[in-house]
Amino acid sequence: MTLQALLETMEHDGRRDLADVLARDEHRAREILREAHQAAERDRLGILTRAESTARDQALRVRSTGAAASRAHVREVVDAELERVRTAAGKELQELVGTGHGTAATLDLLDEAMALLPSATSCTVDPAHLDAVRRHRPCLVVETGPVGVGVVLRDAQGRAVHNTAEGRLDAAWPLLRPVLRDAVCEPHPEVDPEADAKADAEVVPEVDPR
């Protein structure tokens, strides 16, 4: 092979090798671009997914906060109304003093107290019920005081039974209030007969062992 032919062969082989290198580089460049596009798409989808999840979480928080605020407002309104009911009930009890119903209730409460303290020798009643109590229990020393409907009964040993309508309401209200509150705030509260019976048993006249 002549020198010229050798040079031409080397030039041809060099061009072919260069073409192969350029082709491989072009293929690699396309692969790099494709991978970059895929990575960018994954990142874009990831960002969209995270943004959607964040927006959904925020919406749930807003909805939950709004519902909680609404429930809190309802409870505040119900609590205020229950306080009004409690005040009105106390006022109605006071208005019974001196009436036929108030006198009858006082005598019933007196008999109930006597069953708890049969050794009683004296009692305190509202002035409006003085005569009726003396006629009903002539053996008792009857004093007067601002007890409303009901009686405070005592024996010689200093023991006492406070059995007044206002006192009974005070004792029952802590048990009655949550029941009324739940009945308003929860449309269908569960009723536990045993709990109701226990609550009824706990509302008894106040006995002072002194």
N, C-alpha and C. Protein backbone atom coordinates (compact mmCIF):
# COMPACT_ATOMS: atom_id res chain seq x y z
N MET A 1 0.86 -1.19 0.00
CA MET A 1 0.00 0.00 0.00
C MET A 1 0.89 1.23 0.00
N THR A 2 0.56 2.14 -0.92
CA THR A 2 1.35 3.36 -1.00
C THR A 2 1.05 4.25 0.18
N LEU A 3 1.92 5.19 0.38
CA LEU A 3 1.75 6.14 1.50
C LEU A 3 0.46 6.90 1.35
N GLN A 4 0.15 7.28 0.11
CA GLN A 4 -1.08 8.04 -0.13
C GLN A 4 -2.30 7.21 0.22
N ALA A 5 -2.26 5.93 -0.21
CA ALA A 5 -3.38 5.03 0.10
C ALA A 5 -3.52 4.83 1.59
N LEU A 6 -2.37 4.69 2.30
CA LEU A 6 -2.39 4.51 3.75
C LEU A 6 -3.01 5.71 4.44
N LEU A 7 -2.61 6.90 3.97
CA LEU A 7 -3.16 8.13 4.57
C LEU A 7 -4.67 8.22 4.34
N GLU A 8 -5.09 7.84 3.11
CA GLU A 8 -6.53 7.89 2.82
C GLU A 8 -7.30 6.91 3.68
N THR A 9 -6.70 5.70 3.86
CA THR A 9 -7.35 4.69 4.70
C THR A 9 -7.47 5.17 6.14
N MET A 10 -6.39 5.76 6.66
CA MET A 10 -6.40 6.27 8.03
C MET A 10 -7.42 7.40 8.19
N GLU A 11 -7.50 8.24 7.16
CA GLU A 11 -8.46 9.34 7.23
C GLU A 11 -9.88 8.80 7.22
N HIS A 12 -10.12 7.76 6.38
CA HIS A 12 -11.46 7.18 6.30
C HIS A 12 -11.84 6.52 7.62
N ASP A 13 -10.86 5.74 8.17
CA ASP A 13 -11.13 5.08 9.45
C ASP A 13 -11.36 6.11 10.56
N GLY A 14 -10.58 7.19 10.52
CA GLY A 14 -10.74 8.23 11.54
C GLY A 14 -12.10 8.88 11.45
N ARG A 15 -12.54 9.16 10.21
CA ARG A 15 -13.87 9.77 10.06
C ARG A 15 -14.97 8.83 10.55
N ARG A 16 -14.78 7.53 10.24
CA ARG A 16 -15.79 6.56 10.68
C ARG A 16 -15.83 6.47 12.20
N ASP A 17 -14.63 6.41 12.81
CA ASP A 17 -14.59 6.37 14.28
C ASP A 17 -15.20 7.62 14.88
N LEU A 18 -14.91 8.77 14.26
CA LEU A 18 -15.46 10.03 14.76
C LEU A 18 -16.97 10.04 14.62
N ALA A 19 -17.46 9.49 13.49
CA ALA A 19 -18.91 9.43 13.29
C ALA A 19 -19.56 8.54 14.34
N ASP A 20 -18.86 7.39 14.61
CA ASP A 20 -19.40 6.49 15.64
C ASP A 20 -19.45 7.19 17.00
N VAL A 21 -18.37 7.90 17.33
CA VAL A 21 -18.32 8.62 18.62
C VAL A 21 -19.42 9.66 18.69
N LEU A 22 -19.56 10.42 17.59
CA LEU A 22 -20.61 11.46 17.57
C LEU A 22 -22.00 10.84 17.68
N ALA A 23 -22.19 9.69 17.01
CA ALA A 23 -23.49 9.02 17.08
C ALA A 23 -23.78 8.56 18.51
N ARG A 24 -22.73 7.97 19.15
CA ARG A 24 -22.92 7.52 20.53
C ARG A 24 -23.21 8.71 21.45
N ASP A 25 -22.47 9.80 21.23
CA ASP A 25 -22.69 10.99 22.05
C ASP A 25 -24.10 11.55 21.84
N GLU A 26 -24.55 11.53 20.58
CA GLU A 26 -25.90 12.04 20.28
C GLU A 26 -26.96 11.18 20.97
N HIS A 27 -26.75 9.84 20.92
CA HIS A 27 -27.69 8.93 21.56
C HIS A 27 -27.70 9.16 23.07
N ARG A 28 -26.50 9.32 23.63
CA ARG A 28 -26.40 9.56 25.07
C ARG A 28 -27.05 10.89 25.43
N ALA A 29 -26.85 11.87 24.58
CA ALA A 29 -27.44 13.19 24.84
C ALA A 29 -28.96 13.09 24.84
N ARG A 30 -29.50 12.31 23.86
CA ARG A 30 -30.96 12.14 23.82
C ARG A 30 -31.46 11.41 25.06
N GLU A 31 -30.69 10.39 25.52
CA GLU A 31 -31.06 9.66 26.73
C GLU A 31 -31.08 10.59 27.94
N ILE A 32 -30.05 11.44 28.00
CA ILE A 32 -29.97 12.38 29.13
C ILE A 32 -31.17 13.33 29.11
N LEU A 33 -31.51 13.83 27.90
CA LEU A 33 -32.66 14.73 27.79
C LEU A 33 -33.95 14.01 28.16
N ARG A 34 -34.10 12.77 27.71
CA ARG A 34 -35.32 12.01 28.02
C ARG A 34 -35.44 11.78 29.53
N GLU A 35 -34.33 11.39 30.15
CA GLU A 35 -34.34 11.17 31.60
C GLU A 35 -34.64 12.47 32.35
N ALA A 36 -34.09 13.57 31.82
CA ALA A 36 -34.35 14.87 32.45
C ALA A 36 -35.82 15.24 32.36
N HIS A 37 -36.42 14.98 31.16
CA HIS A 37 -37.85 15.26 31.00
C HIS A 37 -38.69 14.39 31.93
N GLN A 38 -38.32 13.11 32.05
CA GLN A 38 -39.06 12.21 32.93
C GLN A 38 -38.95 12.65 34.39
N ALA A 39 -37.73 13.03 34.79
CA ALA A 39 -37.53 13.50 36.16
C ALA A 39 -38.34 14.77 36.42
N ALA A 40 -38.33 15.66 35.43
CA ALA A 40 -39.10 16.91 35.58
C ALA A 40 -40.59 16.62 35.70
N GLU A 41 -41.08 15.65 34.90
CA GLU A 41 -42.50 15.29 34.95
C GLU A 41 -42.85 14.67 36.30
N ARG A 42 -41.94 13.79 36.79
CA ARG A 42 -42.18 13.20 38.11
C ARG A 42 -42.21 14.28 39.18
N ASP A 43 -41.27 15.21 39.10
CA ASP A 43 -41.24 16.30 40.08
C ASP A 43 -42.52 17.14 39.98
N ARG A 44 -42.96 17.40 38.74
CA ARG A 44 -44.16 18.21 38.56
C ARG A 44 -45.38 17.50 39.16
N LEU A 45 -45.50 16.20 38.87
CA LEU A 45 -46.61 15.43 39.43
C LEU A 45 -46.53 15.37 40.95
N GLY A 46 -45.29 15.21 41.45
CA GLY A 46 -45.12 15.18 42.90
C GLY A 46 -45.53 16.49 43.55
N ILE A 47 -45.13 17.59 42.91
CA ILE A 47 -45.50 18.91 43.44
C ILE A 47 -47.02 19.09 43.42
N LEU A 48 -47.64 18.68 42.29
CA LEU A 48 -49.10 18.80 42.19
C LEU A 48 -49.79 17.94 43.24
N THR A 49 -49.27 16.71 43.43
CA THR A 49 -49.87 15.82 44.43
C THR A 49 -49.75 16.39 45.82
N ARG A 50 -48.54 16.91 46.14
CA ARG A 50 -48.35 17.50 47.48
C ARG A 50 -49.22 18.73 47.66
N ALA A 51 -49.33 19.53 46.59
CA ALA A 51 -50.16 20.73 46.68
C ALA A 51 -51.63 20.35 46.89
N GLU A 52 -52.06 19.32 46.16
CA GLU A 52 -53.45 18.87 46.32
C GLU A 52 -53.69 18.33 47.72
N SER A 53 -52.72 17.55 48.22
CA SER A 53 -52.86 17.00 49.57
C SER A 53 -52.88 18.10 50.61
N THR A 54 -52.00 19.08 50.43
CA THR A 54 -51.96 20.21 51.37
C THR A 54 -53.28 20.98 51.35
N ALA A 55 -53.79 21.23 50.14
CA ALA A 55 -55.06 21.94 50.02
C ALA A 55 -56.19 21.16 50.67
N ARG A 56 -56.19 19.82 50.46
CA ARG A 56 -57.23 19.00 51.07
C ARG A 56 -57.14 19.03 52.59
N ASP A 57 -55.91 18.94 53.12
CA ASP A 57 -55.73 19.00 54.57
C ASP A 57 -56.19 20.34 55.13
N GLN A 58 -55.85 21.41 54.43
CA GLN A 58 -56.28 22.73 54.88
C GLN A 58 -57.79 22.86 54.86
N ALA A 59 -58.42 22.31 53.82
CA ALA A 59 -59.88 22.37 53.74
C ALA A 59 -60.52 21.59 54.89
N LEU A 60 -59.94 20.41 55.19
CA LEU A 60 -60.46 19.63 56.31
C LEU A 60 -60.29 20.36 57.63
N ARG A 61 -59.13 21.02 57.80
CA ARG A 61 -58.90 21.77 59.04
C ARG A 61 -59.90 22.92 59.16
N VAL A 62 -60.10 23.62 58.05
CA VAL A 62 -61.06 24.74 58.07
C VAL A 62 -62.46 24.24 58.39
N ARG A 63 -62.84 23.12 57.73
CA ARG A 63 -64.17 22.56 57.97
C ARG A 63 -64.31 22.10 59.42
N SER A 64 -63.25 21.43 59.93
CA SER A 64 -63.28 20.95 61.30
C SER A 64 -63.33 22.10 62.29
N THR A 65 -62.53 23.13 62.01
CA THR A 65 -62.52 24.30 62.89
C THR A 65 -63.88 24.98 62.89
N GLY A 66 -64.47 25.09 61.70
CA GLY A 66 -65.79 25.71 61.61
C GLY A 66 -66.84 24.91 62.36
N ALA A 67 -66.79 23.57 62.22
CA ALA A 67 -67.75 22.73 62.93
C ALA A 67 -67.56 22.82 64.43
N ALA A 68 -66.28 22.83 64.87
CA ALA A 68 -66.00 22.95 66.30
C ALA A 68 -66.49 24.28 66.84
N ALA A 69 -66.26 25.34 66.07
CA ALA A 69 -66.72 26.67 66.51
C ALA A 69 -68.24 26.70 66.58
N SER A 70 -68.89 26.05 65.61
CA SER A 70 -70.35 26.01 65.62
C SER A 70 -70.86 25.25 66.83
N ARG A 71 -70.23 24.10 67.13
CA ARG A 71 -70.65 23.33 68.30
C ARG A 71 -70.41 24.11 69.58
N ALA A 72 -69.28 24.81 69.65
CA ALA A 72 -68.99 25.61 70.85
C ALA A 72 -70.03 26.71 71.03
N HIS A 73 -70.43 27.33 69.91
CA HIS A 73 -71.44 28.39 69.99
C HIS A 73 -72.77 27.81 70.47
N VAL A 74 -73.13 26.64 69.94
CA VAL A 74 -74.38 26.00 70.36
C VAL A 74 -74.33 25.70 71.85
N ARG A 75 -73.19 25.18 72.33
CA ARG A 75 -73.07 24.87 73.75
C ARG A 75 -73.19 26.12 74.61
N GLU A 76 -72.59 27.22 74.15
CA GLU A 76 -72.70 28.47 74.89
C GLU A 76 -74.15 28.93 74.99
N VAL A 77 -74.86 28.84 73.87
CA VAL A 77 -76.27 29.25 73.86
C VAL A 77 -77.09 28.34 74.78
N VAL A 78 -76.83 27.03 74.70
CA VAL A 78 -77.56 26.08 75.54
C VAL A 78 -77.26 26.32 77.01
N ASP A 79 -75.99 26.54 77.35
CA ASP A 79 -75.62 26.79 78.74
C ASP A 79 -76.31 28.03 79.28
N ALA A 80 -76.35 29.08 78.47
CA ALA A 80 -77.02 30.31 78.90
C ALA A 80 -78.51 30.06 79.11
N GLU A 81 -79.11 29.28 78.22
CA GLU A 81 -80.54 28.99 78.36
C GLU A 81 -80.81 28.13 79.59
N LEU A 82 -79.92 27.18 79.87
CA LEU A 82 -80.09 26.34 81.05
C LEU A 82 -79.97 27.15 82.33
N GLU A 83 -79.07 28.12 82.35
CA GLU A 83 -78.97 29.00 83.51
C GLU A 83 -80.26 29.79 83.68
N ARG A 84 -80.83 30.21 82.57
CA ARG A 84 -82.11 30.94 82.64
C ARG A 84 -83.20 30.03 83.19
N VAL A 85 -83.21 28.77 82.75
CA VAL A 85 -84.20 27.81 83.24
C VAL A 85 -84.02 27.58 84.73
N ARG A 86 -82.76 27.45 85.18
CA ARG A 86 -82.49 27.24 86.61
C ARG A 86 -82.98 28.42 87.43
N THR A 87 -82.70 29.62 86.97
CA THR A 87 -83.14 30.82 87.68
C THR A 87 -84.66 30.91 87.72
N ALA A 88 -85.29 30.59 86.59
CA ALA A 88 -86.76 30.63 86.53
C ALA A 88 -87.38 29.60 87.46
N ALA A 89 -86.75 28.41 87.55
CA ALA A 89 -87.27 27.37 88.43
C ALA A 89 -87.20 27.81 89.89
N GLY A 90 -86.07 28.43 90.27
CA GLY A 90 -85.95 28.93 91.64
C GLY A 90 -86.98 30.00 91.94
N LYS A 91 -87.23 30.86 90.96
CA LYS A 91 -88.23 31.92 91.15
C LYS A 91 -89.62 31.32 91.29
N GLU A 92 -89.94 30.31 90.51
CA GLU A 92 -91.25 29.67 90.60
C GLU A 92 -91.44 29.00 91.95
N LEU A 93 -90.36 28.41 92.49
CA LEU A 93 -90.46 27.80 93.82
C LEU A 93 -90.77 28.86 94.88
N GLN A 94 -90.12 30.02 94.76
CA GLN A 94 -90.38 31.10 95.71
C GLN A 94 -91.82 31.59 95.59
N GLU A 95 -92.34 31.60 94.38
CA GLU A 95 -93.72 32.07 94.18
C GLU A 95 -94.75 31.09 94.74
N LEU A 96 -94.34 29.84 95.01
CA LEU A 96 -95.25 28.87 95.61
C LEU A 96 -95.45 29.10 97.10
N VAL A 97 -94.53 29.83 97.73
CA VAL A 97 -94.61 30.06 99.18
C VAL A 97 -95.93 30.74 99.52
N GLY A 98 -96.66 30.15 100.48
CA GLY A 98 -97.93 30.72 100.91
C GLY A 98 -99.12 30.29 100.10
N THR A 99 -98.91 29.62 98.97
CA THR A 99 -100.04 29.14 98.17
C THR A 99 -100.47 27.76 98.66
N GLY A 100 -101.60 27.30 98.16
CA GLY A 100 -102.07 25.98 98.54
C GLY A 100 -101.09 24.89 98.14
N HIS A 101 -100.54 25.00 96.93
CA HIS A 101 -99.56 24.01 96.47
C HIS A 101 -98.29 24.07 97.31
N GLY A 102 -97.86 25.28 97.65
CA GLY A 102 -96.66 25.43 98.46
C GLY A 102 -96.83 24.86 99.84
N THR A 103 -97.99 25.08 100.44
CA THR A 103 -98.26 24.54 101.77
C THR A 103 -98.32 23.01 101.74
N ALA A 104 -99.01 22.46 100.74
CA ALA A 104 -99.11 21.00 100.62
C ALA A 104 -97.73 20.39 100.42
N ALA A 105 -96.90 21.02 99.59
CA ALA A 105 -95.55 20.51 99.35
C ALA A 105 -94.72 20.58 100.63
N THR A 106 -94.89 21.64 101.41
CA THR A 106 -94.15 21.77 102.67
C THR A 106 -94.52 20.65 103.64
N LEU A 107 -95.81 20.34 103.75
CA LEU A 107 -96.23 19.26 104.65
C LEU A 107 -95.70 17.91 104.17
N ASP A 108 -95.67 17.69 102.85
CA ASP A 108 -95.11 16.44 102.33
C ASP A 108 -93.62 16.35 102.65
N LEU A 109 -92.91 17.45 102.47
CA LEU A 109 -91.47 17.45 102.77
C LEU A 109 -91.23 17.29 104.27
N LEU A 110 -92.12 17.81 105.09
CA LEU A 110 -92.00 17.62 106.54
C LEU A 110 -92.16 16.15 106.91
N ASP A 111 -93.17 15.49 106.35
CA ASP A 111 -93.37 14.06 106.63
C ASP A 111 -92.16 13.25 106.17
N GLU A 112 -91.61 13.60 105.03
CA GLU A 112 -90.43 12.90 104.51
C GLU A 112 -89.25 13.08 105.45
N ALA A 113 -89.07 14.30 105.95
CA ALA A 113 -87.98 14.57 106.88
C ALA A 113 -88.18 13.85 108.21
N MET A 114 -89.42 13.77 108.68
CA MET A 114 -89.71 13.07 109.93
C MET A 114 -89.37 11.59 109.82
N ALA A 115 -89.57 11.01 108.63
CA ALA A 115 -89.22 9.60 108.43
C ALA A 115 -87.72 9.39 108.53
N LEU A 116 -86.95 10.41 108.17
CA LEU A 116 -85.49 10.32 108.26
C LEU A 116 -84.99 10.65 109.66
N LEU A 117 -85.72 11.49 110.38
CA LEU A 117 -85.30 11.91 111.72
C LEU A 117 -86.51 11.85 112.66
N PRO A 118 -86.94 10.66 113.03
CA PRO A 118 -88.15 10.53 113.87
C PRO A 118 -87.98 11.12 115.27
N SER A 119 -86.74 11.35 115.69
CA SER A 119 -86.49 11.93 117.02
C SER A 119 -86.58 13.44 117.01
N ALA A 120 -87.01 14.03 115.92
CA ALA A 120 -87.05 15.49 115.80
C ALA A 120 -87.98 16.10 116.84
N THR A 121 -87.54 17.25 117.35
CA THR A 121 -88.34 17.97 118.34
C THR A 121 -88.72 19.36 117.87
N SER A 122 -88.04 19.88 116.84
CA SER A 122 -88.33 21.23 116.37
C SER A 122 -88.08 21.33 114.88
N CYS A 123 -88.61 22.38 114.30
CA CYS A 123 -88.39 22.60 112.87
C CYS A 123 -88.47 24.09 112.56
N THR A 124 -87.92 24.43 111.41
CA THR A 124 -87.99 25.80 110.90
C THR A 124 -88.72 25.77 109.57
N VAL A 125 -89.73 26.63 109.44
CA VAL A 125 -90.49 26.70 108.19
C VAL A 125 -90.66 28.16 107.82
N ASP A 126 -91.11 28.39 106.60
CA ASP A 126 -91.39 29.76 106.18
C ASP A 126 -92.60 30.29 106.96
N PRO A 127 -92.59 31.58 107.31
CA PRO A 127 -93.72 32.14 108.07
C PRO A 127 -95.07 31.87 107.43
N ALA A 128 -95.11 31.80 106.11
CA ALA A 128 -96.39 31.57 105.42
C ALA A 128 -96.96 30.19 105.69
N HIS A 129 -96.12 29.25 106.15
CA HIS A 129 -96.58 27.88 106.38
C HIS A 129 -96.64 27.54 107.87
N LEU A 130 -96.45 28.52 108.72
CA LEU A 130 -96.36 28.27 110.16
C LEU A 130 -97.61 27.58 110.71
N ASP A 131 -98.76 28.14 110.47
CA ASP A 131 -100.00 27.60 111.04
C ASP A 131 -100.28 26.20 110.52
N ALA A 132 -100.08 25.98 109.25
CA ALA A 132 -100.35 24.65 108.67
C ALA A 132 -99.44 23.60 109.28
N VAL A 133 -98.16 23.92 109.49
CA VAL A 133 -97.21 22.96 110.07
C VAL A 133 -97.57 22.68 111.52
N ARG A 134 -97.94 23.69 112.27
CA ARG A 134 -98.32 23.48 113.67
C ARG A 134 -99.54 22.57 113.78
N ARG A 135 -100.49 22.75 112.89
CA ARG A 135 -101.66 21.87 112.91
C ARG A 135 -101.30 20.45 112.49
N HIS A 136 -100.39 20.34 111.54
CA HIS A 136 -100.02 19.03 111.01
C HIS A 136 -99.15 18.26 111.99
N ARG A 137 -98.24 18.94 112.70
CA ARG A 137 -97.34 18.30 113.66
C ARG A 137 -97.35 19.10 114.96
N PRO A 138 -98.40 18.97 115.75
CA PRO A 138 -98.50 19.78 116.97
C PRO A 138 -97.43 19.44 118.01
N CYS A 139 -96.77 18.28 117.88
CA CYS A 139 -95.75 17.90 118.85
C CYS A 139 -94.43 18.63 118.62
N LEU A 140 -94.26 19.28 117.51
CA LEU A 140 -93.00 19.96 117.18
C LEU A 140 -93.02 21.41 117.63
N VAL A 141 -91.85 21.88 118.05
CA VAL A 141 -91.66 23.31 118.27
C VAL A 141 -91.34 23.93 116.91
N VAL A 142 -92.19 24.81 116.45
CA VAL A 142 -92.07 25.34 115.10
C VAL A 142 -91.55 26.77 115.14
N GLU A 143 -90.44 27.00 114.44
CA GLU A 143 -89.87 28.33 114.31
C GLU A 143 -90.00 28.77 112.85
N THR A 144 -89.79 30.04 112.62
CA THR A 144 -89.90 30.54 111.25
C THR A 144 -88.55 31.05 110.74
N GLY A 145 -88.39 30.95 109.45
CA GLY A 145 -87.17 31.42 108.80
C GLY A 145 -87.37 31.40 107.29
N PRO A 146 -86.44 31.99 106.55
CA PRO A 146 -86.59 32.08 105.08
C PRO A 146 -86.21 30.79 104.37
N VAL A 147 -86.98 29.73 104.63
CA VAL A 147 -86.65 28.43 104.02
C VAL A 147 -87.47 28.15 102.77
N GLY A 148 -88.47 29.00 102.47
CA GLY A 148 -89.29 28.78 101.29
C GLY A 148 -90.19 27.58 101.46
N VAL A 149 -90.36 26.83 100.40
CA VAL A 149 -91.17 25.61 100.46
C VAL A 149 -90.32 24.50 101.07
N GLY A 150 -90.79 23.91 102.18
CA GLY A 150 -90.02 22.85 102.82
C GLY A 150 -89.79 23.12 104.29
N VAL A 151 -88.82 22.41 104.85
CA VAL A 151 -88.62 22.46 106.30
C VAL A 151 -87.18 22.11 106.64
N VAL A 152 -86.71 22.64 107.77
CA VAL A 152 -85.44 22.21 108.37
C VAL A 152 -85.81 21.60 109.72
N LEU A 153 -85.54 20.33 109.87
CA LEU A 153 -85.96 19.56 111.04
C LEU A 153 -84.76 19.29 111.94
N ARG A 154 -84.97 19.37 113.29
CA ARG A 154 -83.87 19.15 114.24
C ARG A 154 -84.35 18.30 115.40
N ASP A 155 -83.37 17.59 116.01
CA ASP A 155 -83.70 16.86 117.24
C ASP A 155 -82.87 17.41 118.39
N ALA A 156 -83.06 16.83 119.57
CA ALA A 156 -82.39 17.34 120.77
C ALA A 156 -80.88 17.13 120.73
N GLN A 157 -80.41 16.18 119.95
CA GLN A 157 -78.97 15.92 119.85
C GLN A 157 -78.28 16.83 118.83
N GLY A 158 -79.00 17.72 118.21
CA GLY A 158 -78.40 18.65 117.26
C GLY A 158 -78.36 18.15 115.83
N ARG A 159 -78.89 16.95 115.60
CA ARG A 159 -78.95 16.46 114.22
C ARG A 159 -80.05 17.19 113.45
N ALA A 160 -79.85 17.34 112.16
CA ALA A 160 -80.80 18.12 111.37
C ALA A 160 -80.99 17.50 109.99
N VAL A 161 -82.17 17.71 109.45
CA VAL A 161 -82.49 17.32 108.08
C VAL A 161 -83.00 18.57 107.36
N HIS A 162 -82.29 18.97 106.31
CA HIS A 162 -82.70 20.11 105.49
C HIS A 162 -83.46 19.55 104.29
N ASN A 163 -84.76 19.71 104.29
CA ASN A 163 -85.58 19.15 103.21
C ASN A 163 -86.47 20.26 102.64
N THR A 164 -85.86 21.06 101.78
CA THR A 164 -86.58 22.17 101.16
C THR A 164 -86.60 21.98 99.65
N ALA A 165 -87.57 22.59 99.01
CA ALA A 165 -87.66 22.48 97.55
C ALA A 165 -86.44 23.10 96.88
N GLU A 166 -85.99 24.23 97.41
CA GLU A 166 -84.80 24.87 96.83
C GLU A 166 -83.57 23.99 97.01
N GLY A 167 -83.46 23.36 98.18
CA GLY A 167 -82.33 22.45 98.41
C GLY A 167 -82.38 21.24 97.52
N ARG A 168 -83.58 20.72 97.28
CA ARG A 168 -83.72 19.57 96.39
C ARG A 168 -83.33 19.95 94.97
N LEU A 169 -83.73 21.14 94.56
CA LEU A 169 -83.36 21.61 93.22
C LEU A 169 -81.85 21.78 93.11
N ASP A 170 -81.23 22.34 94.15
CA ASP A 170 -79.77 22.50 94.14
C ASP A 170 -79.07 21.15 94.02
N ALA A 171 -79.61 20.13 94.71
CA ALA A 171 -79.00 18.80 94.67
C ALA A 171 -79.22 18.12 93.32
N ALA A 172 -80.40 18.36 92.73
CA ALA A 172 -80.73 17.68 91.48
C ALA A 172 -80.11 18.35 90.26
N TRP A 173 -79.87 19.65 90.34
CA TRP A 173 -79.45 20.39 89.15
C TRP A 173 -78.14 19.90 88.55
N PRO A 174 -77.09 19.61 89.35
CA PRO A 174 -75.85 19.11 88.74
C PRO A 174 -76.05 17.81 87.97
N LEU A 175 -77.05 17.00 88.36
CA LEU A 175 -77.35 15.77 87.63
C LEU A 175 -78.27 16.03 86.45
N LEU A 176 -79.19 16.97 86.62
CA LEU A 176 -80.17 17.25 85.57
C LEU A 176 -79.59 18.08 84.44
N ARG A 177 -78.69 19.00 84.78
CA ARG A 177 -78.17 19.94 83.78
C ARG A 177 -77.48 19.23 82.61
N PRO A 178 -76.54 18.29 82.85
CA PRO A 178 -75.90 17.64 81.69
C PRO A 178 -76.87 16.81 80.86
N VAL A 179 -77.92 16.27 81.50
CA VAL A 179 -78.93 15.51 80.74
C VAL A 179 -79.67 16.45 79.79
N LEU A 180 -80.08 17.61 80.31
CA LEU A 180 -80.77 18.59 79.47
C LEU A 180 -79.84 19.10 78.38
N ARG A 181 -78.58 19.33 78.72
CA ARG A 181 -77.61 19.85 77.76
C ARG A 181 -77.41 18.86 76.61
N ASP A 182 -77.25 17.57 76.95
CA ASP A 182 -77.05 16.56 75.92
C ASP A 182 -78.31 16.38 75.08
N ALA A 183 -79.47 16.53 75.70
CA ALA A 183 -80.72 16.37 74.95
C ALA A 183 -80.85 17.43 73.87
N VAL A 184 -80.29 18.61 74.11
CA VAL A 184 -80.35 19.68 73.12
C VAL A 184 -79.21 19.55 72.11
N CYS A 185 -78.00 19.29 72.60
CA CYS A 185 -76.83 19.25 71.72
C CYS A 185 -76.76 17.96 70.92
N GLU A 186 -77.27 16.86 71.45
CA GLU A 186 -77.26 15.59 70.74
C GLU A 186 -78.71 15.18 70.50
N PRO A 187 -79.12 15.04 69.22
CA PRO A 187 -80.53 14.76 68.91
C PRO A 187 -81.05 13.46 69.52
N HIS A 188 -80.18 12.44 69.62
CA HIS A 188 -80.64 11.14 70.10
C HIS A 188 -79.68 10.62 71.17
N PRO A 189 -79.68 11.18 72.36
CA PRO A 189 -78.78 10.70 73.40
C PRO A 189 -79.17 9.32 73.87
N GLU A 190 -78.19 8.55 74.27
CA GLU A 190 -78.47 7.23 74.80
C GLU A 190 -78.96 7.37 76.24
N VAL A 191 -79.96 6.56 76.59
CA VAL A 191 -80.53 6.61 77.93
C VAL A 191 -80.12 5.35 78.67
N ASP A 192 -79.54 5.53 79.83
CA ASP A 192 -79.11 4.42 80.66
C ASP A 192 -80.06 4.33 81.85
N PRO A 193 -80.99 3.36 81.87
CA PRO A 193 -81.94 3.28 82.97
C PRO A 193 -81.27 3.14 84.32
N GLU A 194 -80.16 2.36 84.39
CA GLU A 194 -79.48 2.19 85.66
C GLU A 194 -78.90 3.51 86.14
N ALA A 195 -78.34 4.30 85.21
CA ALA A 195 -77.79 5.60 85.59
C ALA A 195 -78.89 6.53 86.07
N ASP A 196 -80.08 6.46 85.40
CA ASP A 196 -81.20 7.30 85.82
C ASP A 196 -81.66 6.91 87.22
N ALA A 197 -81.72 5.61 87.48
CA ALA A 197 -82.14 5.16 88.80
C ALA A 197 -81.15 5.59 89.86
N LYS A 198 -79.85 5.51 89.53
CA LYS A 198 -78.81 5.94 90.46
C LYS A 198 -78.92 7.42 90.74
N ALA A 199 -79.19 8.20 89.69
CA ALA A 199 -79.32 9.65 89.86
C ALA A 199 -80.50 9.97 90.76
N ASP A 200 -81.63 9.25 90.56
CA ASP A 200 -82.81 9.49 91.39
C ASP A 200 -82.52 9.15 92.85
N ALA A 201 -81.76 8.10 93.05
CA ALA A 201 -81.46 7.70 94.42
C ALA A 201 -80.56 8.69 95.12
N GLU A 202 -79.73 9.39 94.33
CA GLU A 202 -78.78 10.33 94.94
C GLU A 202 -79.45 11.65 95.33
N VAL A 203 -80.61 11.96 94.79
CA VAL A 203 -81.29 13.21 95.11
C VAL A 203 -82.15 12.96 96.34
N VAL A 204 -81.55 13.09 97.51
CA VAL A 204 -82.24 12.85 98.78
C VAL A 204 -82.08 14.07 99.65
N PRO A 205 -82.92 14.19 100.69
CA PRO A 205 -82.77 15.33 101.59
C PRO A 205 -81.39 15.34 102.23
N GLU A 206 -80.90 16.53 102.49
CA GLU A 206 -79.59 16.69 103.13
C GLU A 206 -79.72 16.42 104.61
N VAL A 207 -78.96 15.47 105.12
CA VAL A 207 -79.01 15.10 106.54
C VAL A 207 -77.76 15.60 107.22
N ASP A 208 -77.94 16.38 108.26
CA ASP A 208 -76.83 16.90 109.06
C ASP A 208 -76.69 16.03 110.29
N PRO A 209 -75.60 15.23 110.45
CA PRO A 209 -75.49 14.27 111.55
C PRO A 209 -75.19 14.90 112.90
N ARG A 210 -75.05 16.20 112.95
CA ARG A 210 -74.70 16.81 114.24
C ARG A 210 -75.80 16.60 115.28
